[in-house]
Protein backbone atom coordinates (compact mmCIF):
# COMPACT_ATOMS: atom_id res chain seq x y z
CA ALA A 1 6.76 14.78 -17.06
CA ASN A 2 4.48 14.70 -14.03
CA GLY A 3 2.45 11.67 -15.14
CA VAL A 4 -0.73 13.68 -15.87
CA ILE A 5 -2.53 13.35 -19.23
CA THR A 6 -5.10 15.95 -20.35
CA TYR A 7 -7.83 15.17 -22.90
CA ALA A 8 -9.86 17.74 -24.89
CA ILE A 9 -13.24 16.71 -26.36
CA PHE A 10 -15.08 18.72 -29.03
CA LEU A 11 -18.89 18.31 -28.91
CA PRO A 12 -20.32 20.36 -31.80
CA SER A 13 -24.00 19.45 -31.31
CA ALA A 14 -24.22 19.18 -27.50
CA THR A 15 -26.03 21.67 -25.30
CA GLU A 16 -24.37 23.22 -22.26
CA ASP A 17 -26.45 21.03 -19.90
CA GLU A 18 -25.54 17.89 -21.82
CA ALA A 19 -21.85 18.81 -21.73
CA GLN A 20 -22.02 19.47 -17.99
CA LYS A 21 -23.75 16.13 -17.41
CA LEU A 22 -21.14 14.32 -19.51
CA GLY A 23 -18.33 16.03 -17.60
CA GLN A 24 -19.86 15.03 -14.27
CA THR A 25 -20.26 11.44 -15.47
CA ILE A 26 -16.62 11.28 -16.56
CA MET A 27 -15.44 12.73 -13.26
CA TYR A 28 -17.52 10.28 -11.24
CA SER A 29 -16.40 7.37 -13.42
CA MET A 30 -12.81 8.23 -12.53
CA SER A 31 -13.65 7.00 -9.02
CA LEU A 32 -14.33 3.49 -10.32
CA ASN A 33 -11.59 0.90 -10.03
CA THR A 34 -10.88 -0.16 -13.61
CA SER A 35 -9.98 -3.72 -12.59
CA SER A 36 -13.41 -4.53 -11.14
CA MET A 37 -16.42 -6.27 -12.66
CA ILE A 38 -18.46 -3.17 -11.83
CA PHE A 39 -16.33 -0.99 -14.12
CA SER A 40 -16.93 -3.42 -16.98
CA ASN A 41 -20.70 -3.31 -16.45
CA VAL A 42 -20.68 0.50 -16.37
CA MET A 43 -18.57 0.78 -19.53
CA GLN A 44 -20.84 -1.67 -21.36
CA GLY A 45 -23.93 0.30 -20.34
CA ARG A 46 -25.51 -2.43 -18.22
CA ILE A 47 -25.71 -0.15 -15.16
CA PRO A 48 -25.38 3.65 -14.78
CA HIS A 49 -22.12 5.03 -13.40
CA GLU A 50 -23.83 6.17 -10.19
CA VAL A 51 -25.01 2.63 -9.53
CA GLY A 52 -21.48 1.37 -10.11
CA LEU A 53 -20.02 3.82 -7.60
CA TYR A 54 -22.67 2.93 -5.03
CA LEU A 55 -22.02 -0.80 -5.47
CA SER A 56 -18.25 -0.30 -5.11
CA ALA A 57 -18.80 1.16 -1.65
CA ALA A 58 -21.67 -1.12 -0.64
CA ILE A 59 -19.67 -4.26 -1.47
CA ARG A 60 -16.99 -3.06 0.93
CA PHE A 61 -19.64 -2.59 3.61
CA VAL A 62 -21.02 -6.09 3.06
CA TYR A 63 -17.56 -7.64 3.24
CA ALA A 64 -16.67 -5.76 6.42
CA PHE A 65 -19.92 -6.25 8.36
CA PHE A 66 -21.31 -9.59 7.19
CA PRO A 67 -21.95 -11.61 10.41
CA LYS A 68 -19.68 -14.52 9.57
CA GLU A 69 -19.74 -15.73 13.18
CA GLN A 70 -23.33 -16.94 12.61
CA TYR A 71 -21.89 -19.70 10.44
CA ALA A 72 -19.51 -20.85 13.19
CA PRO A 73 -21.45 -20.71 16.50
CA GLU A 74 -18.93 -23.04 18.11
CA TYR A 75 -16.26 -20.39 17.63
CA MET A 76 -17.96 -17.95 20.01
CA SER A 77 -18.43 -20.58 22.73
CA VAL A 78 -14.81 -21.79 22.52
CA HIS A 79 -13.58 -18.17 22.43
CA LYS A 80 -15.42 -17.51 25.70
CA VAL A 81 -13.95 -20.62 27.33
CA LEU A 82 -10.47 -19.30 26.51
CA GLU A 83 -11.10 -15.78 27.86
CA HIS A 84 -8.41 -16.28 30.54
CA ASP A 85 -5.91 -17.63 28.01
CA PRO A 86 -5.23 -14.74 25.58
CA VAL A 87 -2.47 -16.61 23.72
CA SER A 88 -4.81 -19.46 22.85
CA GLN A 89 -7.54 -16.96 22.00
CA ARG A 90 -5.30 -15.29 19.41
CA LYS A 91 -4.50 -18.68 17.87
CA LEU A 92 -8.21 -19.47 17.69
CA GLU A 93 -8.93 -16.07 16.11
CA ALA A 94 -6.26 -16.67 13.45
CA LEU A 95 -7.75 -20.09 12.64
CA TYR A 96 -11.26 -18.60 12.52
CA LYS A 97 -10.22 -15.86 10.07
CA LEU A 98 -8.50 -18.43 7.87
CA CYS A 99 -11.64 -20.56 7.73
CA MET A 100 -14.01 -17.63 7.24
CA ARG A 101 -12.01 -16.29 4.30
CA ASP A 102 -13.54 -18.94 2.04
CA LEU A 103 -17.04 -18.37 3.43
CA LEU A 104 -17.26 -14.81 2.06
CA SER A 105 -14.96 -13.18 -0.46
CA VAL A 106 -15.19 -9.93 -2.37
CA GLU A 107 -15.24 -11.98 -5.58
CA ARG A 108 -18.29 -13.92 -4.41
CA ILE A 109 -20.18 -10.67 -3.72
CA PHE A 110 -19.18 -9.35 -7.18
CA ASP A 111 -20.38 -12.54 -8.87
CA LEU A 112 -23.67 -12.52 -6.96
CA LEU A 113 -24.39 -8.93 -7.99
CA HIS A 114 -23.50 -9.73 -11.60
CA LYS A 115 -26.28 -12.35 -11.57
CA HIS A 116 -28.76 -9.87 -10.09
CA LEU A 117 -28.02 -6.51 -11.73
CA GLY A 118 -31.73 -5.65 -11.68
CA LEU A 119 -31.77 -5.93 -7.91
CA ALA A 120 -28.53 -3.94 -7.71
CA VAL A 121 -30.18 -0.99 -9.49
CA GLN A 122 -33.11 -1.18 -7.05
CA PHE A 123 -30.66 -1.17 -4.13
CA PHE A 124 -29.24 2.08 -5.47
CA GLU A 125 -32.66 3.69 -5.85
CA ASP A 126 -33.46 2.75 -2.24
CA PHE A 127 -30.14 4.30 -1.20
CA ARG A 128 -30.84 7.47 -3.22
CA HIS A 129 -34.21 8.00 -1.56
CA ILE A 130 -32.69 7.67 1.91
CA ALA A 131 -29.53 9.69 1.24
CA THR A 132 -31.41 12.60 -0.33
CA GLY A 133 -34.09 12.73 2.36
CA LYS A 134 -37.03 11.44 0.32
CA CYS A 135 -37.66 8.83 3.02
CA ALA A 136 -36.37 7.97 6.49
CA PRO A 137 -33.69 5.29 6.86
CA ALA A 138 -35.45 1.92 6.99
CA PHE A 139 -34.98 -1.69 5.95
CA ASN A 140 -36.81 -2.10 2.64
CA ALA A 141 -39.27 -4.97 3.15
CA GLN A 142 -40.35 -5.00 -0.52
CA LEU A 143 -36.79 -5.48 -1.71
CA GLU A 144 -36.34 -8.15 0.95
CA MET A 145 -39.23 -10.07 -0.62
CA ALA A 146 -37.70 -9.60 -4.07
CA ILE A 147 -34.41 -11.07 -2.81
CA ASP A 148 -36.19 -14.08 -1.29
CA LYS A 149 -37.94 -14.65 -4.60
CA ALA A 150 -34.76 -14.31 -6.69
CA CYS A 151 -32.38 -16.41 -4.56
CA MET A 152 -32.71 -19.98 -3.33
CA ASP A 153 -29.44 -20.16 -1.39
CA ARG A 154 -29.75 -18.93 2.21
CA GLN A 155 -26.32 -17.33 2.31
CA ASP A 156 -26.82 -15.59 -1.04
CA ARG A 157 -30.02 -14.07 0.32
CA GLN A 158 -28.24 -12.90 3.45
CA ILE A 159 -25.44 -11.33 1.41
CA LEU A 160 -27.90 -9.38 -0.75
CA LYS A 161 -29.92 -8.29 2.29
CA MET A 162 -26.76 -6.73 3.70
CA PHE A 163 -27.11 -4.09 0.96
CA LEU A 164 -30.47 -3.19 2.51
CA THR A 165 -28.78 -2.99 5.91
CA PHE A 166 -26.22 -0.62 4.41
CA ASN A 167 -29.02 1.62 3.11
CA GLU A 168 -30.86 1.47 6.44
CA SER A 169 -27.73 2.57 8.30
CA ILE A 170 -27.12 5.72 6.19
CA LEU A 171 -27.43 8.95 8.19
CA LEU A 172 -25.22 11.22 6.08
CA THR A 173 -23.15 10.92 2.91
CA ASN A 174 -21.32 13.12 0.41
CA PHE A 175 -22.31 10.80 -2.44
CA PHE A 176 -24.64 13.43 -3.90
CA ASN A 177 -22.35 16.39 -3.24
CA ILE A 178 -23.54 19.12 -5.61
CA ASP A 179 -20.57 21.42 -4.93
CA GLU A 180 -17.91 19.31 -6.61
CA THR A 181 -17.07 15.72 -7.48
CA PRO A 182 -15.89 13.95 -4.30
CA GLY A 183 -12.42 12.40 -4.36
CA ALA A 184 -13.84 9.66 -2.12
CA PHE A 185 -17.26 8.81 -0.75
CA ALA A 186 -17.95 9.02 2.98
CA PHE A 187 -20.93 7.34 4.63
CA ARG A 188 -21.96 8.17 8.21
CA LEU A 189 -23.43 4.90 9.46
CA ASN A 190 -25.79 4.29 12.36
CA PRO A 191 -23.82 1.97 14.69
CA ALA A 192 -27.02 0.58 16.24
CA VAL A 193 -28.05 -0.73 12.81
CA VAL A 194 -24.62 -1.84 11.63
CA LEU A 195 -23.76 -3.82 14.78
CA LYS A 196 -27.27 -5.02 15.63
CA GLY A 197 -27.19 -8.60 16.89
CA ARG A 198 -23.40 -8.86 16.84
CA PRO A 199 -21.76 -10.60 19.85
CA LYS A 200 -20.65 -8.49 22.82
CA SER A 201 -17.42 -10.46 22.85
CA MET A 202 -16.56 -8.93 19.46
CA TYR A 203 -18.01 -5.45 19.96
CA PRO A 204 -18.36 -4.74 23.72
CA ASP A 205 -19.85 -1.24 23.28
CA VAL A 206 -21.78 0.43 20.49
CA PRO A 207 -19.79 3.42 19.16
CA PHE A 208 -21.23 6.91 18.86
CA GLY A 209 -20.43 7.08 15.15
CA ILE A 210 -19.00 4.97 12.33
CA TYR A 211 -17.81 6.26 8.96
CA LEU A 212 -16.98 4.15 5.93
CA VAL A 213 -14.83 6.04 3.39
CA SER A 214 -14.60 4.45 -0.05
CA GLY A 215 -12.03 5.77 -2.53
CA ARG A 216 -11.01 4.48 -5.90
CA ASN A 217 -7.73 3.19 -4.50
CA PHE A 218 -8.41 2.79 -0.78
CA LEU A 219 -10.89 1.82 1.91
CA GLY A 220 -11.11 3.67 5.20
CA PHE A 221 -13.07 3.65 8.45
CA HIS A 222 -13.45 6.10 11.30
CA VAL A 223 -14.95 5.07 14.65
CA ARG A 224 -15.60 7.29 17.65
CA PHE A 225 -17.19 6.48 21.02
CA ARG A 226 -18.32 9.96 21.97
CA ASP A 227 -19.65 12.95 20.06
CA VAL A 228 -16.39 14.79 20.78
CA ALA A 229 -13.57 12.30 20.49
CA ARG A 230 -9.92 12.31 19.51
CA GLY A 231 -7.53 9.73 18.10
CA GLY A 232 -5.04 9.07 15.33
CA VAL A 233 -5.49 8.04 11.71
CA ARG A 234 -3.45 4.99 10.71
CA LEU A 235 -2.45 4.19 7.13
CA VAL A 236 -2.05 0.41 6.89
CA LEU A 237 0.58 -0.84 4.43
CA SER A 238 0.85 -4.52 3.53
CA ARG A 239 4.09 -6.39 2.91
CA ASN A 240 2.52 -8.67 0.30
CA GLU A 241 -0.79 -9.72 -1.22
CA THR A 242 -1.52 -12.25 1.52
CA ALA A 243 -1.00 -9.58 4.16
CA HIS A 244 -3.29 -7.24 2.23
CA GLU A 245 -6.09 -9.82 2.17
CA ARG A 246 -5.71 -10.29 5.91
CA ASN A 247 -5.70 -6.54 6.53
CA LEU A 248 -8.80 -6.07 4.39
CA ALA A 249 -10.69 -8.82 6.23
CA THR A 250 -9.96 -7.27 9.64
CA LEU A 251 -9.86 -3.56 8.80
CA PHE A 252 -13.05 -2.51 10.59
CA ASP A 253 -12.27 -4.73 13.59
CA GLU A 254 -8.85 -3.11 13.86
CA CYS A 255 -10.40 0.36 13.70
CA TYR A 256 -13.03 -0.55 16.30
CA ASN A 257 -10.50 -2.09 18.70
CA LEU A 258 -8.09 0.85 18.36
CA ALA A 259 -10.91 3.33 19.00
CA PHE A 260 -12.20 1.28 21.94
CA THR A 261 -8.70 1.21 23.45
CA GLN A 262 -8.42 4.99 22.93
CA GLN A 263 -11.77 5.40 24.67
CA MET A 264 -10.39 3.52 27.68
CA LYS A 265 -7.30 5.74 27.64
CA ASN A 266 -9.45 8.88 27.52
CA LYS A 267 -11.92 7.78 30.21
CA ASP A 268 -10.90 10.53 32.65
CA ILE A 269 -10.90 13.46 30.19
CA PRO A 270 -13.78 15.21 28.39
CA GLU A 271 -12.83 13.91 24.95
CA GLY A 272 -13.74 10.36 24.06
CA GLY A 273 -11.69 7.96 21.98
CA SER A 274 -11.65 7.60 18.22
CA LYS A 275 -9.50 6.06 15.50
CA GLY A 276 -9.25 6.09 11.75
CA VAL A 277 -7.70 3.52 9.41
CA ILE A 278 -6.88 3.69 5.70
CA LEU A 279 -5.97 0.66 3.55
CA PRO A 280 -4.76 1.12 -0.05
CA ASP A 281 -6.31 -1.29 -2.55
CA ALA A 282 -4.51 -4.40 -3.74
CA ALA A 283 -4.78 -3.21 -7.34
CA LEU A 284 -2.51 -0.31 -6.41
CA MET A 285 -0.13 -2.39 -4.39
CA TYR A 286 0.26 -5.12 -7.00
CA PRO A 287 0.15 -3.42 -10.42
CA SER A 288 1.44 -6.63 -12.02
CA ARG A 289 -2.17 -7.86 -11.75
CA GLN A 290 -3.04 -5.31 -14.42
CA ASN A 291 -1.34 -3.97 -17.50
CA ALA A 292 2.09 -2.80 -16.41
CA SER A 293 1.56 0.41 -18.35
CA THR A 294 -1.06 1.51 -15.78
CA SER A 295 1.59 1.72 -13.08
CA ASN A 296 3.28 5.11 -12.82
CA MET A 297 5.77 5.39 -9.97
CA LEU A 298 6.39 9.08 -10.76
CA ALA A 299 2.70 9.89 -10.33
CA GLY A 300 2.64 7.88 -7.14
CA SER A 301 0.61 4.88 -8.29
CA SER A 302 2.39 2.65 -5.77
CA PRO A 303 0.97 2.95 -2.24
CA GLN A 304 4.51 2.58 -0.91
CA SER A 305 5.31 5.97 -2.44
CA PRO A 306 4.84 9.10 -0.29
CA ALA A 307 2.73 10.67 -3.05
CA SER A 308 0.17 7.87 -3.01
CA GLN A 309 0.02 7.64 0.78
CA GLN A 310 -0.55 11.39 0.95
CA ALA A 311 -3.26 11.22 -1.73
CA CYS A 312 -5.15 8.51 0.19
CA PHE A 313 -4.97 10.52 3.41
CA MET A 314 -6.08 13.78 1.79
CA ARG A 315 -9.03 12.18 0.00
CA TYR A 316 -10.05 10.48 3.24
CA VAL A 317 -10.01 13.77 5.17
CA ASN A 318 -11.62 15.68 2.29
CA ALA A 319 -14.55 13.24 2.15
CA LEU A 320 -15.09 13.53 5.90
CA LEU A 321 -14.91 17.33 5.66
CA ASP A 322 -17.80 17.15 3.19
CA CYS A 323 -19.90 15.51 5.90
CA MET A 324 -18.71 18.05 8.49
CA MET A 325 -19.80 20.90 6.19
CA PRO A 326 -23.06 19.60 4.67
CA GLU A 327 -24.66 22.98 3.98
CA GLN A 328 -21.69 24.17 1.91
CA CYS A 329 -21.73 20.95 -0.13
CA GLY A 330 -25.48 20.73 -0.64
CA ILE A 331 -25.63 17.47 1.33
CA PHE A 332 -28.88 16.40 2.99
CA SER A 333 -28.31 16.14 6.75
CA GLY A 334 -31.88 15.81 8.01
CA HIS A 335 -31.30 12.29 9.36
CA MET A 336 -28.76 13.70 11.85
CA GLY A 337 -31.44 15.40 13.94
CA GLY A 338 -29.76 18.79 13.72
CA ASN A 339 -26.48 17.53 15.19
CA LYS A 340 -23.24 18.69 13.59
CA GLU A 341 -20.40 16.28 12.95
CA ILE A 342 -17.10 17.48 14.44
CA LEU A 343 -14.17 15.14 13.93
CA PHE A 344 -10.53 15.42 15.02
CA PHE A 345 -7.57 13.58 13.52
CA GLY A 346 -4.20 12.82 15.05
CA PRO A 347 -0.98 11.28 13.76
CA ASP A 348 -0.48 7.52 13.73
CA GLU A 349 1.43 4.98 11.65
CA ASN A 350 2.43 6.45 8.27
CA THR A 351 0.40 9.68 8.69
CA ALA A 352 2.53 11.78 11.07
CA ASN A 353 3.83 13.92 8.19
CA PHE A 354 0.34 14.75 6.89
CA MET A 355 -1.07 16.67 9.86
CA ASP A 356 -0.14 20.10 8.46
CA LEU A 357 -1.74 19.17 5.14
CA GLY A 358 -4.95 18.08 6.86
CA ALA A 359 -5.28 21.33 8.81
CA ASP A 360 -4.43 23.41 5.74
CA LEU A 361 -7.07 21.55 3.73
CA GLY A 362 -9.63 22.52 6.35
CA ARG A 363 -8.49 26.16 6.13
CA ILE A 364 -8.72 26.21 2.33
CA ARG A 365 -12.20 24.75 2.43
CA GLY A 366 -13.38 27.27 5.01
CA TYR A 367 -13.88 24.85 7.89
CA PRO A 368 -14.26 27.12 10.96
CA TYR A 369 -12.30 24.84 13.33
CA TRP A 370 -9.46 24.02 10.96
CA LYS A 371 -6.78 24.80 13.55
CA ALA A 372 -8.18 22.06 15.78
CA LEU A 373 -8.83 19.58 12.94
CA THR A 374 -5.48 17.80 13.37
CA THR A 375 -3.02 17.36 16.20
CA GLY A 376 0.70 16.92 15.71
CA LYS A 377 0.90 20.00 13.50
CA SER A 378 3.96 22.20 13.15
CA VAL A 379 4.30 25.21 15.43
CA LYS A 380 3.50 27.64 12.60
CA LEU A 381 -0.03 26.20 12.44
CA GLY A 382 -0.52 26.27 16.19
CA GLY A 383 0.84 22.83 16.97
CA VAL A 384 2.75 21.92 20.13
CA PRO A 385 5.80 19.67 19.57
CA HIS A 386 5.24 16.74 21.94
CA ASP A 387 8.82 15.56 21.70
CA THR A 388 10.19 18.98 22.74
CA TYR A 389 7.95 19.32 25.77
CA GLY A 390 7.58 15.63 26.61
CA MET A 391 3.84 16.05 27.15
CA THR A 392 2.79 12.43 26.72
CA THR A 393 5.76 11.16 28.70
CA ALA A 394 5.00 13.48 31.63
CA SER A 395 1.57 11.94 32.21
CA VAL A 396 2.61 8.32 31.65
CA HIS A 397 5.76 8.61 33.76
CA LYS A 398 3.80 10.26 36.57
CA TYR A 399 1.49 7.27 36.59
CA VAL A 400 4.51 4.97 37.01
CA THR A 401 6.13 6.99 39.80
CA GLU A 402 2.85 7.23 41.73
CA LEU A 403 2.34 3.49 41.39
CA LEU A 404 5.88 2.88 42.68
CA ARG A 405 5.19 5.24 45.58
CA GLU A 406 2.08 3.26 46.51
CA LEU A 407 4.15 0.07 46.45
CA GLY A 408 6.95 1.65 48.48
CA GLU A 409 9.50 1.11 45.72
CA ASP A 410 12.44 3.36 44.83
CA GLU A 411 12.49 4.03 41.08
CA SER A 412 16.29 3.96 40.95
CA SER A 413 16.36 0.43 42.37
CA ILE A 414 14.09 -1.29 39.84
CA THR A 415 14.92 -2.68 36.41
CA LYS A 416 12.77 -1.91 33.39
CA PHE A 417 12.16 -3.53 30.02
CA GLN A 418 10.79 -0.76 27.78
CA THR A 419 8.51 -1.31 24.79
CA GLY A 420 8.59 1.83 22.62
CA GLY A 421 11.94 3.07 21.49
CA PRO A 422 13.85 6.34 21.07
CA ASP A 423 12.21 7.21 17.74
CA GLY A 424 8.83 8.17 19.26
CA ASP A 425 7.73 11.08 21.44
CA LEU A 426 6.87 8.91 24.43
CA GLY A 427 9.78 6.47 24.39
CA SER A 428 12.50 9.02 23.71
CA ASN A 429 11.55 11.26 26.62
CA GLU A 430 10.95 8.29 28.92
CA ILE A 431 14.61 7.36 28.43
CA LEU A 432 15.63 10.91 29.37
CA VAL A 433 13.44 11.43 32.45
CA SER A 434 13.40 7.97 34.06
CA HIS A 435 15.75 7.09 36.95
CA ASP A 436 15.32 3.32 36.79
CA ARG A 437 17.82 0.77 35.49
CA THR A 438 16.67 0.14 31.91
CA VAL A 439 17.91 -3.28 30.79
CA ALA A 440 16.35 -3.51 27.31
CA ILE A 441 14.38 -1.47 24.77
CA VAL A 442 12.21 -2.83 21.93
CA ASP A 443 11.11 -0.29 19.34
């Protein structure tokens, strides 16, 4: 009745170690998206399941960070010319993204790997050595030579070399968690490697830390600009398949820009700015692409359902908790130079109702700072209701009244057009405390 199916397997001649290894393989294989080419190669025995899981995440990295602007140098120069015309800049950006969509697609990366499965296995071995501490993170020059020898097309070579960049950027990951099978895989990336050579106009500052979180049914990022930073986690829902493709193509850029904006907001307080984003996969959102029998609304297989949204959020936080508690999970953390990862998560679009769950997950797992893990919690978990006390409104409204004082204006004599309506903490209390003449509100 709850959509869960349990299988029992009898193995009369297997040893305990063999049974444990089989169980681990099955559990890890559950993280593979069954609609992908990778799943087919794993099931047919062409590549091991671990290689398939690695490739699933690495492909997402390549798609997100491939320097597409190198193939359109004119775009950057025109974008700079229009820096004082933001409306025209946005139109140019939309046109650029439309054109770049055909330059690099997830399908092209899949097809390229399918032609070079031998290289793909070597990419994984390079990743394993780095992630488990057998060697320091570095760009593998031998594999670079192998790519140059195997590929004639310049862009194909650059795509495959992005897998080496992914490996080079790895500082910490729960991929080889020995405690339990991860519900999603988190990769702490070195921003200096990931964004090396990228234009300042796209990425003005190098963040302190970047995480890529790859789940079976979602992709997530987390960006922070200081060691101790705070910001919300946004769950991005798409109206249709076209919107999903657009969201996927810009997911990291959205996360970076939101975190950068939060950093500017937090410039006068000790905590820096951060942001997290989660995007459910298209295979979940459009089950008609697959066999209709694989869609189970009761079990929450639609990302529009609260159950699925909650599952994506919890797996995202759980994977990041693995990296925040490396000793307990048997994760190698030597590349971090002895520095502990301490992340904080706040409510944002479609995640406001999950803050209690996030903090409680930290408590269950024994995270020592679980009470501070999320903001926006209920009072019973130590949260402070912002809407009751008008905390955010107090600071923003004070900024407005002080600005009006500097200008010699009386608040009661000015008109105001307010963006942010009565449904949110900030907008609702602004309506109550302001003494201006509000003429319109857009929520």
